[in-house]
N, C-alpha and C. Protein backbone atom coordinates (compact mmCIF):
# COMPACT_ATOMS: atom_id res chain seq x y z
N UNK A 1 0.91 -1.26 0.00
CA UNK A 1 -0.01 0.01 0.01
C UNK A 1 0.89 1.35 0.07
N UNK A 2 1.88 1.17 0.70
CA UNK A 2 2.97 2.43 0.74
C UNK A 2 3.36 2.75 -0.73
N UNK A 3 3.85 1.64 -1.32
CA UNK A 3 4.31 1.71 -2.62
C UNK A 3 3.23 2.29 -3.71
N UNK A 4 2.09 1.91 -3.61
CA UNK A 4 0.85 2.51 -4.30
C UNK A 4 0.74 3.84 -3.95
N UNK A 5 0.70 4.09 -2.72
CA UNK A 5 0.44 5.61 -2.20
C UNK A 5 1.55 6.53 -2.86
N UNK A 6 2.83 6.04 -2.83
CA UNK A 6 3.90 6.78 -3.26
C UNK A 6 3.56 6.99 -4.98
N UNK A 7 3.11 6.01 -5.57
CA UNK A 7 2.92 6.07 -6.94
C UNK A 7 1.73 7.18 -7.37
N UNK A 8 0.61 7.08 -6.68
CA UNK A 8 -0.44 7.82 -6.75
C UNK A 8 -0.05 9.28 -6.50
N UNK A 9 0.61 9.50 -5.35
CA UNK A 9 1.11 10.87 -5.01
C UNK A 9 1.91 11.45 -6.04
N UNK A 10 2.81 10.73 -6.85
CA UNK A 10 3.72 11.15 -7.73
C UNK A 10 2.82 11.51 -9.01
N UNK A 11 1.93 10.63 -9.20
CA UNK A 11 1.04 10.91 -10.55
C UNK A 11 0.10 11.99 -10.49
N UNK A 12 -0.39 12.23 -9.24
CA UNK A 12 -1.43 13.28 -9.20
C UNK A 12 -1.02 14.51 -8.27
N UNK A 13 0.10 14.40 -7.65
CA UNK A 13 0.59 15.54 -6.96
C UNK A 13 -0.40 15.78 -5.69
N UNK A 14 -1.15 14.92 -5.11
CA UNK A 14 -2.03 14.92 -4.10
C UNK A 14 -1.28 14.34 -2.85
N UNK A 15 -1.04 14.79 -1.81
CA UNK A 15 -0.40 14.06 -0.79
C UNK A 15 -1.11 13.00 -0.14
N UNK A 16 -0.61 11.89 0.07
CA UNK A 16 -1.17 10.70 0.80
C UNK A 16 -0.24 10.24 1.70
N UNK A 17 -0.72 10.14 3.04
CA UNK A 17 0.05 9.59 4.14
C UNK A 17 -0.63 8.42 4.63
N UNK A 18 0.28 7.67 5.40
CA UNK A 18 -0.25 6.56 6.07
C UNK A 18 0.20 6.49 7.51
N UNK A 19 -0.73 5.87 8.26
CA UNK A 19 -0.64 5.66 9.73
C UNK A 19 -0.56 4.34 9.97
N UNK A 20 0.58 3.56 9.85
CA UNK A 20 0.54 2.02 10.15
C UNK A 20 0.79 1.69 11.60
N UNK A 21 0.74 0.42 11.81
CA UNK A 21 1.24 -0.10 13.07
C UNK A 21 2.76 0.53 13.37
N UNK A 22 2.95 0.47 14.60
CA UNK A 22 4.42 0.99 15.05
C UNK A 22 5.45 0.14 14.52
N UNK A 23 5.27 -1.13 14.33
CA UNK A 23 6.30 -2.07 13.87
C UNK A 23 6.43 -1.82 12.28
N UNK A 24 5.63 -1.25 11.61
CA UNK A 24 5.83 -0.98 10.21
C UNK A 24 6.36 0.47 9.92
N UNK A 25 6.45 1.30 10.93
CA UNK A 25 6.80 2.77 10.52
C UNK A 25 8.25 2.72 9.89
N UNK A 26 9.24 1.96 10.46
CA UNK A 26 10.53 2.12 9.77
C UNK A 26 10.48 1.71 8.42
N UNK A 27 9.92 0.54 8.08
CA UNK A 27 9.87 0.00 6.70
C UNK A 27 9.12 0.96 5.76
N UNK A 28 8.11 1.51 6.23
CA UNK A 28 7.30 2.40 5.30
C UNK A 28 7.91 3.69 5.00
N UNK A 29 8.69 4.13 6.15
CA UNK A 29 9.42 5.45 6.04
C UNK A 29 10.32 5.53 4.88
N UNK A 30 10.60 4.51 4.09
CA UNK A 30 11.55 4.60 3.00
C UNK A 30 10.90 5.09 1.83
N UNK A 31 9.48 4.97 1.72
CA UNK A 31 8.72 5.63 0.73
C UNK A 31 8.64 7.03 0.91
N UNK A 32 8.29 7.76 -0.34
CA UNK A 32 8.37 9.20 -0.34
C UNK A 32 6.98 9.70 0.00
N UNK A 33 6.37 9.20 1.10
CA UNK A 33 5.14 9.83 1.53
C UNK A 33 5.23 10.01 2.99
N UNK A 34 4.28 10.79 3.63
CA UNK A 34 4.23 11.01 4.95
C UNK A 34 3.91 9.84 5.87
N UNK A 35 4.50 9.49 6.93
CA UNK A 35 4.18 8.35 7.75
C UNK A 35 3.88 8.89 9.27
N UNK A 36 2.83 8.51 9.69
CA UNK A 36 2.41 8.89 10.94
C UNK A 36 2.18 7.68 11.96
N UNK A 37 2.55 7.91 13.26
CA UNK A 37 2.20 6.90 14.22
C UNK A 37 0.69 6.94 14.45
N UNK A 38 0.16 5.85 15.01
CA UNK A 38 -1.26 5.75 15.34
C UNK A 38 -1.51 6.39 16.75
N UNK A 39 -0.50 6.52 17.41
CA UNK A 39 -0.50 7.07 18.90
C UNK A 39 0.81 7.20 19.46
N UNK A 40 1.05 8.26 20.33
CA UNK A 40 2.20 8.33 21.27
C UNK A 40 1.72 8.75 22.66
N UNK A 41 2.60 8.35 23.59
CA UNK A 41 2.36 8.81 24.93
C UNK A 41 2.93 9.89 25.29
N UNK A 42 2.41 10.73 26.15
CA UNK A 42 3.21 11.95 26.63
C UNK A 42 4.21 11.62 27.76
N UNK A 43 5.18 10.95 27.42
CA UNK A 43 6.27 10.51 28.42
C UNK A 43 7.53 11.00 28.05
N UNK A 44 8.53 11.14 28.97
CA UNK A 44 9.89 11.43 28.79
C UNK A 44 10.77 10.10 28.80
N UNK A 45 11.82 10.13 28.15
CA UNK A 45 12.67 8.95 28.25
C UNK A 45 12.89 8.41 29.62
N UNK A 46 12.65 7.24 29.81
CA UNK A 46 13.03 6.66 31.26
C UNK A 46 12.19 5.39 31.48
N UNK A 47 11.56 5.21 32.62
CA UNK A 47 11.17 3.91 32.92
C UNK A 47 9.53 3.96 32.70
N UNK A 48 9.22 3.55 31.38
CA UNK A 48 7.76 3.60 31.00
C UNK A 48 7.63 2.33 30.08
N UNK A 49 7.82 1.23 30.62
CA UNK A 49 7.75 -0.07 29.72
C UNK A 49 6.23 -0.10 29.33
N UNK A 50 5.96 -0.45 28.03
CA UNK A 50 4.70 -0.52 27.38
C UNK A 50 3.97 0.65 26.89
N UNK A 51 4.99 1.94 27.10
CA UNK A 51 4.50 3.11 26.37
C UNK A 51 5.20 3.53 25.16
N UNK A 52 4.68 4.29 24.43
CA UNK A 52 5.32 4.76 23.20
C UNK A 52 5.97 6.15 23.33
N UNK A 53 7.23 6.11 23.27
CA UNK A 53 7.99 7.43 23.35
C UNK A 53 7.85 8.19 21.93
N UNK A 54 7.46 9.58 21.96
CA UNK A 54 7.47 10.21 20.79
C UNK A 54 8.77 10.26 20.00
N UNK A 55 9.81 10.44 20.70
CA UNK A 55 10.99 10.50 20.03
C UNK A 55 11.42 9.08 19.29
N UNK A 56 10.97 8.22 19.77
CA UNK A 56 11.26 6.76 19.25
C UNK A 56 10.40 6.59 17.83
N UNK A 57 9.31 7.10 17.78
CA UNK A 57 8.58 6.97 16.51
C UNK A 57 9.17 8.02 15.38
N UNK A 58 9.68 9.05 15.98
CA UNK A 58 10.33 10.12 15.13
C UNK A 58 11.58 9.53 14.50
N UNK A 59 12.38 8.83 15.29
CA UNK A 59 13.63 8.26 14.88
C UNK A 59 13.37 7.29 13.86
N UNK A 60 12.12 6.38 13.98
CA UNK A 60 11.74 5.31 13.09
C UNK A 60 11.34 5.91 11.80
N UNK A 61 11.23 7.24 11.71
CA UNK A 61 10.73 7.67 10.50
C UNK A 61 9.45 8.48 10.11
N UNK A 62 8.72 8.52 11.42
CA UNK A 62 7.30 9.10 11.50
C UNK A 62 7.55 10.59 11.42
N UNK A 63 6.59 11.38 10.71
CA UNK A 63 6.71 12.73 10.74
C UNK A 63 5.69 13.40 11.78
N UNK A 64 4.81 12.60 12.06
CA UNK A 64 3.64 12.86 13.10
C UNK A 64 2.81 11.75 13.71
N UNK A 65 1.98 12.09 14.48
CA UNK A 65 1.03 10.99 15.01
C UNK A 65 -0.49 11.37 15.07
N UNK A 66 -1.28 10.40 15.02
CA UNK A 66 -2.69 10.59 15.37
C UNK A 66 -2.80 10.79 16.87
N UNK A 67 -3.78 11.47 17.23
CA UNK A 67 -3.89 11.71 18.60
C UNK A 67 -5.68 11.66 18.94
N UNK A 68 -5.89 10.74 20.01
CA UNK A 68 -7.35 10.75 20.22
C UNK A 68 -8.26 10.09 19.11
N UNK A 69 -7.58 9.00 18.45
CA UNK A 69 -8.39 8.37 17.53
C UNK A 69 -9.54 7.66 18.11
N UNK A 70 -10.71 7.52 17.38
CA UNK A 70 -12.01 6.80 17.84
C UNK A 70 -11.58 5.63 18.49
N UNK A 71 -10.54 4.72 18.14
CA UNK A 71 -10.23 3.50 18.85
C UNK A 71 -9.13 3.74 20.00
N UNK A 72 -8.62 4.93 20.19
CA UNK A 72 -7.69 5.23 21.27
C UNK A 72 -8.15 6.54 21.98
N UNK A 73 -9.31 6.72 22.57
CA UNK A 73 -9.76 7.99 22.98
C UNK A 73 -8.96 8.40 24.36
N UNK A 74 -8.74 9.73 24.27
CA UNK A 74 -8.15 10.33 25.51
C UNK A 74 -8.84 11.53 26.02
N UNK A 75 -8.61 11.78 27.32
CA UNK A 75 -9.30 12.88 27.84
C UNK A 75 -8.63 14.09 27.47
N UNK A 76 -9.28 15.37 27.57
CA UNK A 76 -8.52 16.51 27.02
C UNK A 76 -7.22 16.80 27.66
N UNK A 77 -7.01 16.62 28.78
CA UNK A 77 -5.75 16.94 29.42
C UNK A 77 -4.73 16.16 28.78
N UNK A 78 -4.95 14.87 28.47
CA UNK A 78 -4.02 13.93 27.94
C UNK A 78 -3.78 14.36 26.41
N UNK A 79 -4.67 14.80 25.82
CA UNK A 79 -4.45 15.32 24.40
C UNK A 79 -3.66 16.43 24.39
N UNK A 80 -3.84 17.35 25.34
CA UNK A 80 -2.87 18.64 25.50
C UNK A 80 -1.44 18.05 25.68
N UNK A 81 -1.27 17.07 26.66
CA UNK A 81 -0.06 16.63 26.91
C UNK A 81 0.61 15.87 25.72
N UNK A 82 -0.08 15.27 24.93
CA UNK A 82 0.57 14.48 23.75
C UNK A 82 0.83 15.52 22.80
N UNK A 83 0.01 16.57 22.45
CA UNK A 83 0.35 17.58 21.55
C UNK A 83 1.58 18.23 21.87
N UNK A 84 1.74 18.55 23.14
CA UNK A 84 3.04 19.28 23.69
C UNK A 84 4.25 18.34 23.44
N UNK A 85 4.15 17.06 23.81
CA UNK A 85 5.26 16.22 23.67
C UNK A 85 5.59 15.95 22.30
N UNK A 86 4.66 15.77 21.43
CA UNK A 86 4.86 15.62 19.94
C UNK A 86 5.57 16.81 19.38
N UNK A 87 5.15 17.87 19.71
CA UNK A 87 5.91 19.21 19.18
C UNK A 87 7.39 19.04 19.59
N UNK A 88 7.61 18.69 20.87
CA UNK A 88 8.96 18.70 21.34
C UNK A 88 9.75 17.70 20.78
N UNK A 89 9.04 16.66 20.15
CA UNK A 89 9.79 15.64 19.53
C UNK A 89 10.01 15.87 17.82
N UNK A 90 9.51 16.97 17.44
CA UNK A 90 9.44 17.26 16.20
C UNK A 90 8.30 16.58 15.23
N UNK A 91 7.32 16.06 16.09
CA UNK A 91 6.19 15.49 15.35
C UNK A 91 4.88 16.35 15.14
N UNK A 92 4.28 16.30 14.13
CA UNK A 92 3.09 17.10 14.12
C UNK A 92 1.90 16.17 14.49
N UNK A 93 0.88 16.84 14.84
CA UNK A 93 -0.20 16.08 15.54
C UNK A 93 -1.65 16.26 14.76
N UNK A 94 -2.20 15.04 14.59
CA UNK A 94 -3.37 15.02 13.81
C UNK A 94 -4.41 14.60 14.89
N UNK A 95 -5.16 15.60 15.57
CA UNK A 95 -6.02 15.30 16.51
C UNK A 95 -7.50 15.03 15.98
N UNK A 96 -7.89 13.79 16.32
CA UNK A 96 -9.36 13.35 16.04
C UNK A 96 -10.35 13.86 16.95
N UNK A 97 -11.52 14.44 16.28
CA UNK A 97 -12.46 14.85 17.11
C UNK A 97 -13.82 14.25 16.65
N UNK A 98 -14.61 13.97 17.63
CA UNK A 98 -15.94 13.32 17.25
C UNK A 98 -17.01 14.21 17.18
N UNK A 99 -16.83 15.55 17.29
CA UNK A 99 -17.84 16.51 17.23
C UNK A 99 -17.26 17.91 17.12
N UNK A 100 -18.19 18.94 16.92
CA UNK A 100 -17.67 20.20 16.56
C UNK A 100 -17.15 20.70 18.01
N UNK A 101 -17.88 20.50 19.06
CA UNK A 101 -17.33 20.86 20.48
C UNK A 101 -16.01 20.29 20.67
N UNK A 102 -15.65 19.18 20.38
CA UNK A 102 -14.45 18.51 20.79
C UNK A 102 -13.41 19.19 19.98
N UNK A 103 -13.80 19.48 18.57
CA UNK A 103 -12.66 20.06 17.65
C UNK A 103 -12.49 21.44 18.19
N UNK A 104 -13.51 22.17 18.63
CA UNK A 104 -13.05 23.42 19.07
C UNK A 104 -12.16 23.38 20.32
N UNK A 105 -12.32 22.47 21.30
CA UNK A 105 -11.59 22.13 22.36
C UNK A 105 -10.16 21.88 22.09
N UNK A 106 -10.04 20.99 20.98
CA UNK A 106 -8.77 20.59 20.42
C UNK A 106 -8.01 21.68 19.92
N UNK A 107 -8.79 22.64 19.10
CA UNK A 107 -8.18 23.86 18.49
C UNK A 107 -7.39 24.74 19.44
N UNK A 108 -7.84 24.78 20.71
CA UNK A 108 -7.26 25.63 21.67
C UNK A 108 -6.05 25.12 22.07
N UNK A 109 -5.69 23.83 21.64
CA UNK A 109 -4.32 23.26 22.05
C UNK A 109 -3.32 23.44 20.99
N UNK A 110 -3.83 23.99 19.82
CA UNK A 110 -2.86 24.37 18.55
C UNK A 110 -2.18 23.12 18.01
N UNK A 111 -2.88 22.06 17.78
CA UNK A 111 -2.17 21.05 16.98
C UNK A 111 -2.18 21.57 15.34
N UNK A 112 -1.50 20.79 14.66
CA UNK A 112 -1.40 21.15 13.24
C UNK A 112 -2.43 20.94 12.55
N UNK A 113 -3.05 19.76 12.85
CA UNK A 113 -4.20 19.21 11.97
C UNK A 113 -5.32 18.62 13.04
N UNK A 114 -6.63 18.87 12.65
CA UNK A 114 -7.76 18.26 13.53
C UNK A 114 -8.61 17.60 12.39
N UNK A 115 -8.89 16.17 12.74
CA UNK A 115 -9.80 15.51 11.73
C UNK A 115 -11.11 15.21 12.42
N UNK A 116 -12.27 15.69 11.78
CA UNK A 116 -13.56 15.62 12.48
C UNK A 116 -14.16 14.36 12.02
N UNK A 117 -14.45 13.40 12.86
CA UNK A 117 -15.18 12.14 12.53
C UNK A 117 -16.35 11.80 13.33
N UNK A 118 -17.48 11.96 12.99
CA UNK A 118 -18.81 11.49 13.65
C UNK A 118 -18.52 9.91 13.74
N UNK A 119 -18.49 9.49 15.07
CA UNK A 119 -18.12 7.99 15.32
C UNK A 119 -19.15 7.10 14.83
N UNK A 120 -20.39 7.51 14.76
CA UNK A 120 -21.41 6.66 14.32
C UNK A 120 -21.26 6.21 12.82
N UNK A 121 -20.45 7.04 12.01
CA UNK A 121 -20.31 6.89 10.68
C UNK A 121 -18.97 5.98 10.27
N UNK A 122 -18.07 6.08 11.16
CA UNK A 122 -16.67 5.28 10.96
C UNK A 122 -16.92 4.04 10.44
N UNK A 123 -16.32 3.64 9.32
CA UNK A 123 -16.38 2.26 8.85
C UNK A 123 -17.63 1.77 8.20
N UNK A 124 -18.63 2.81 8.07
CA UNK A 124 -19.90 2.33 7.53
C UNK A 124 -19.99 2.54 5.97
N UNK A 125 -19.05 3.32 5.39
CA UNK A 125 -19.22 3.55 4.04
C UNK A 125 -20.23 4.74 3.75
N UNK A 126 -20.78 5.17 4.68
CA UNK A 126 -21.62 6.34 4.71
C UNK A 126 -20.97 7.60 5.04
N UNK A 127 -20.41 8.47 4.13
CA UNK A 127 -19.60 9.54 4.31
C UNK A 127 -20.29 10.70 5.07
N UNK A 128 -19.44 11.09 6.15
CA UNK A 128 -19.89 12.22 6.87
C UNK A 128 -20.20 13.55 6.18
N UNK A 129 -19.15 13.66 5.08
CA UNK A 129 -19.47 14.77 4.18
C UNK A 129 -20.77 14.82 3.45
N UNK A 130 -21.55 13.74 3.33
CA UNK A 130 -22.68 13.70 2.82
C UNK A 130 -23.82 13.50 3.74
N UNK A 131 -23.50 12.67 4.65
CA UNK A 131 -24.62 12.21 5.63
C UNK A 131 -24.91 13.28 6.82
N UNK A 132 -23.80 14.01 7.16
CA UNK A 132 -23.80 14.98 8.22
C UNK A 132 -22.80 16.18 7.72
N UNK A 133 -23.24 16.88 6.69
CA UNK A 133 -22.26 17.93 6.14
C UNK A 133 -22.36 19.09 7.20
N UNK A 134 -23.42 19.21 7.99
CA UNK A 134 -23.40 20.48 8.83
C UNK A 134 -22.48 20.19 9.94
N UNK A 135 -22.12 18.99 10.34
CA UNK A 135 -21.00 18.86 11.39
C UNK A 135 -19.72 19.39 10.96
N UNK A 136 -19.45 18.84 9.55
CA UNK A 136 -18.13 19.13 8.99
C UNK A 136 -17.89 20.77 8.78
N UNK A 137 -19.03 21.23 8.11
CA UNK A 137 -19.01 22.79 7.88
C UNK A 137 -19.07 23.52 9.16
N UNK A 138 -19.66 23.20 10.16
CA UNK A 138 -19.71 24.05 11.51
C UNK A 138 -18.37 23.91 12.06
N UNK A 139 -17.74 22.51 12.05
CA UNK A 139 -16.39 22.34 12.68
C UNK A 139 -15.33 23.13 11.93
N UNK A 140 -15.32 23.12 10.62
CA UNK A 140 -14.32 23.93 9.92
C UNK A 140 -14.40 25.46 10.31
N UNK A 141 -15.60 25.87 10.28
CA UNK A 141 -15.70 27.29 10.68
C UNK A 141 -15.33 27.64 12.11
N UNK A 142 -15.78 26.73 12.97
CA UNK A 142 -15.36 27.04 14.54
C UNK A 142 -13.96 26.86 14.78
N UNK A 143 -13.32 25.75 14.13
CA UNK A 143 -11.92 25.50 14.37
C UNK A 143 -11.14 26.55 13.89
N UNK A 144 -11.45 27.08 12.62
CA UNK A 144 -10.52 28.13 12.08
C UNK A 144 -10.82 29.59 12.76
N UNK A 145 -12.00 29.67 13.29
CA UNK A 145 -12.25 30.94 14.09
C UNK A 145 -11.31 30.95 15.34
N UNK A 146 -11.05 29.74 15.85
CA UNK A 146 -10.13 29.74 17.12
C UNK A 146 -8.59 29.84 16.58
N UNK A 147 -8.28 29.16 15.48
CA UNK A 147 -6.86 29.07 14.93
C UNK A 147 -7.04 28.94 13.45
N UNK A 148 -6.85 29.90 12.51
CA UNK A 148 -6.83 29.83 11.38
C UNK A 148 -5.78 28.91 10.59
N UNK A 149 -4.69 28.65 11.35
CA UNK A 149 -3.57 27.99 10.87
C UNK A 149 -3.79 26.45 10.85
N UNK A 150 -4.80 25.92 11.54
CA UNK A 150 -5.10 24.71 11.74
C UNK A 150 -5.70 24.05 10.46
N UNK A 151 -5.10 22.77 9.99
CA UNK A 151 -5.67 22.15 8.90
C UNK A 151 -6.72 21.18 9.38
N UNK A 152 -7.97 21.31 8.66
CA UNK A 152 -9.06 20.48 9.13
C UNK A 152 -9.42 19.49 8.13
N UNK A 153 -9.44 18.18 8.54
CA UNK A 153 -9.83 17.01 7.79
C UNK A 153 -11.04 16.55 8.11
N UNK A 154 -11.73 15.76 7.02
CA UNK A 154 -12.99 15.31 7.28
C UNK A 154 -12.85 13.69 7.28
N UNK A 155 -13.32 13.08 8.13
CA UNK A 155 -13.25 11.70 8.32
C UNK A 155 -14.62 10.97 8.52
N UNK A 156 -14.67 9.75 8.64
CA UNK A 156 -15.72 8.79 8.79
C UNK A 156 -16.55 8.47 7.50
N UNK A 157 -16.35 7.42 7.14
CA UNK A 157 -17.18 6.83 6.05
C UNK A 157 -16.90 7.19 4.52
N UNK A 158 -15.65 8.01 4.62
CA UNK A 158 -15.25 8.31 3.24
C UNK A 158 -14.63 7.15 2.47
N UNK A 159 -15.24 6.98 1.22
CA UNK A 159 -14.77 5.82 0.38
C UNK A 159 -14.78 6.13 -1.17
N UNK A 160 -15.17 7.29 -1.52
CA UNK A 160 -15.39 7.58 -3.04
C UNK A 160 -14.83 8.91 -3.30
N UNK A 161 -14.46 9.24 -4.60
CA UNK A 161 -14.15 10.42 -4.97
C UNK A 161 -15.29 11.62 -4.78
N UNK A 162 -16.60 11.11 -4.95
CA UNK A 162 -17.63 12.16 -4.65
C UNK A 162 -17.53 12.44 -3.26
N UNK A 163 -17.18 11.53 -2.19
CA UNK A 163 -17.20 11.77 -0.84
C UNK A 163 -15.98 12.82 -0.51
N UNK A 164 -14.92 12.59 -1.16
CA UNK A 164 -13.75 13.57 -1.05
C UNK A 164 -14.21 14.86 -1.61
N UNK A 165 -14.70 15.04 -2.76
CA UNK A 165 -15.14 16.24 -3.42
C UNK A 165 -16.05 16.94 -2.33
N UNK A 166 -17.18 16.25 -1.82
CA UNK A 166 -18.07 16.85 -0.88
C UNK A 166 -17.40 17.42 0.33
N UNK A 167 -16.41 16.68 0.82
CA UNK A 167 -15.66 17.13 1.98
C UNK A 167 -14.91 18.49 1.71
N UNK A 168 -14.29 18.51 0.68
CA UNK A 168 -13.48 19.73 0.37
C UNK A 168 -14.41 20.85 0.02
N UNK A 169 -15.57 20.54 -0.52
CA UNK A 169 -16.64 21.56 -0.79
C UNK A 169 -17.01 22.22 0.49
N UNK A 170 -17.12 21.44 1.52
CA UNK A 170 -17.55 21.89 2.83
C UNK A 170 -16.49 22.78 3.64
N UNK A 171 -15.28 22.81 2.96
CA UNK A 171 -14.29 23.75 3.53
C UNK A 171 -13.01 22.98 4.22
N UNK A 172 -13.18 21.54 4.25
CA UNK A 172 -12.06 20.78 4.76
C UNK A 172 -10.76 20.74 3.85
N UNK A 173 -9.65 20.44 4.31
CA UNK A 173 -8.48 20.64 3.49
C UNK A 173 -8.20 19.12 3.00
N UNK A 174 -8.69 18.16 3.45
CA UNK A 174 -8.48 16.80 3.06
C UNK A 174 -9.37 15.78 3.82
N UNK A 175 -9.04 14.40 3.80
CA UNK A 175 -9.76 13.51 4.50
C UNK A 175 -8.87 12.53 5.08
N UNK A 176 -9.58 11.88 6.08
CA UNK A 176 -8.87 10.83 6.97
C UNK A 176 -9.72 9.70 6.76
N UNK A 177 -9.04 8.48 6.32
CA UNK A 177 -9.98 7.28 6.22
C UNK A 177 -9.09 6.11 6.22
N UNK A 178 -9.71 4.85 6.34
CA UNK A 178 -9.07 3.62 6.64
C UNK A 178 -9.84 2.69 5.68
N UNK A 179 -10.82 2.06 6.13
CA UNK A 179 -11.49 1.02 5.56
C UNK A 179 -11.88 1.24 4.16
N UNK A 180 -12.15 2.53 3.70
CA UNK A 180 -12.47 2.98 2.43
C UNK A 180 -11.54 2.59 1.38
N UNK A 181 -10.19 2.41 1.96
CA UNK A 181 -9.14 2.01 1.03
C UNK A 181 -8.64 0.54 1.40
N UNK A 182 -8.62 0.22 2.67
CA UNK A 182 -8.01 -0.85 3.06
C UNK A 182 -8.83 -2.19 2.52
N UNK A 183 -10.16 -1.98 2.64
CA UNK A 183 -11.16 -2.99 2.17
C UNK A 183 -11.42 -2.94 0.70
N UNK A 184 -10.94 -2.01 -0.07
CA UNK A 184 -11.31 -1.95 -1.39
C UNK A 184 -10.65 -3.03 -2.21
N UNK A 185 -11.07 -3.48 -3.30
CA UNK A 185 -10.60 -4.55 -4.04
C UNK A 185 -9.30 -4.23 -4.82
N UNK A 186 -9.14 -2.93 -5.13
CA UNK A 186 -8.05 -2.45 -5.93
C UNK A 186 -7.57 -1.04 -5.35
N UNK A 187 -6.55 -1.23 -4.58
CA UNK A 187 -6.03 -0.02 -3.84
C UNK A 187 -5.63 1.10 -4.64
N UNK A 188 -5.03 0.86 -5.78
CA UNK A 188 -4.39 1.79 -6.69
C UNK A 188 -5.63 2.55 -7.26
N UNK A 189 -6.72 1.78 -7.84
CA UNK A 189 -7.80 2.37 -8.47
C UNK A 189 -8.55 3.31 -7.37
N UNK A 190 -8.66 2.78 -6.24
CA UNK A 190 -9.39 3.65 -5.24
C UNK A 190 -8.65 4.97 -4.79
N UNK A 191 -7.49 4.72 -4.69
CA UNK A 191 -6.49 5.88 -4.25
C UNK A 191 -6.61 6.99 -5.28
N UNK A 192 -6.47 6.39 -6.61
CA UNK A 192 -6.52 7.35 -7.87
C UNK A 192 -7.86 8.05 -7.93
N UNK A 193 -8.88 7.43 -7.56
CA UNK A 193 -10.18 8.05 -7.60
C UNK A 193 -10.27 9.14 -6.55
N UNK A 194 -9.90 8.81 -5.17
CA UNK A 194 -9.90 9.77 -4.21
C UNK A 194 -8.97 10.94 -4.47
N UNK A 195 -7.92 10.49 -4.88
CA UNK A 195 -6.75 11.73 -5.23
C UNK A 195 -7.28 12.60 -6.46
N UNK A 196 -7.99 11.74 -7.48
CA UNK A 196 -8.42 12.63 -8.50
C UNK A 196 -9.46 13.70 -8.11
N UNK A 197 -10.33 13.32 -7.34
CA UNK A 197 -11.35 14.27 -6.84
C UNK A 197 -10.80 15.39 -5.98
N UNK A 198 -9.72 14.91 -5.25
CA UNK A 198 -9.01 16.27 -4.59
C UNK A 198 -8.45 17.16 -5.62
N UNK A 199 -7.71 16.59 -6.70
CA UNK A 199 -7.09 17.33 -7.74
C UNK A 199 -8.09 18.05 -8.53
N UNK A 200 -9.23 17.54 -8.74
CA UNK A 200 -10.30 18.21 -9.50
C UNK A 200 -10.75 19.53 -8.56
N UNK A 201 -10.88 19.30 -7.40
CA UNK A 201 -11.36 20.42 -6.61
C UNK A 201 -10.20 21.51 -6.65
N UNK A 202 -8.95 21.15 -6.55
CA UNK A 202 -7.86 22.04 -6.46
C UNK A 202 -7.68 22.83 -7.88
N UNK A 203 -7.97 22.11 -8.86
CA UNK A 203 -7.69 22.79 -10.16
C UNK A 203 -8.85 23.78 -10.60
N UNK A 204 -10.03 23.64 -9.86
CA UNK A 204 -11.02 24.70 -9.97
C UNK A 204 -10.65 25.96 -9.33
N UNK A 205 -9.72 26.03 -8.57
CA UNK A 205 -9.07 27.09 -8.10
C UNK A 205 -9.93 27.54 -6.67
N UNK A 206 -10.59 26.45 -6.14
CA UNK A 206 -11.38 26.64 -4.93
C UNK A 206 -10.63 26.23 -3.62
N UNK A 207 -9.26 25.73 -3.81
CA UNK A 207 -8.83 25.19 -2.59
C UNK A 207 -7.24 25.22 -2.72
């Protein structure tokens, strides 16, 4: 998949990054695509057996980390601590938010990216950009009002080019997805469709 993502990025000039398991970061980092950890812990080097040190994933080749993914929820104080530690380790943070309110709280912590994902749509193939467009547009507006420098992504149920186009039309800068590609019968065809939609939006001069 990393090789295919690299090919599609080269062909379309649309950035595609992966967030693999920790054990795959080093191998995937050899490809010319962004690689993120799925999580890091807000710890310093020392006695923390079983935890994930931010500097360790950075050395392995990750450029950033997901934070507060729907399958790895954190309380706000821990999100703040992770974002701060990620910055100190040279990692960007992609904070996942399950609502506009959580997105606004996350924006106050100044991560580089916030991905808005209504949890009930994750993995369903029903895109948030179509089923709940108001959550995405409201989140984009609210987050950028707090910090206009934050990149906002749309997640949950994204699986087609139309879903991507709809997400960008709502003001997001990209998408966050997993099953829409991983479970697709042809990864390259799917990534080309998704990237093609992003490229179409970009060439219209609207993003």
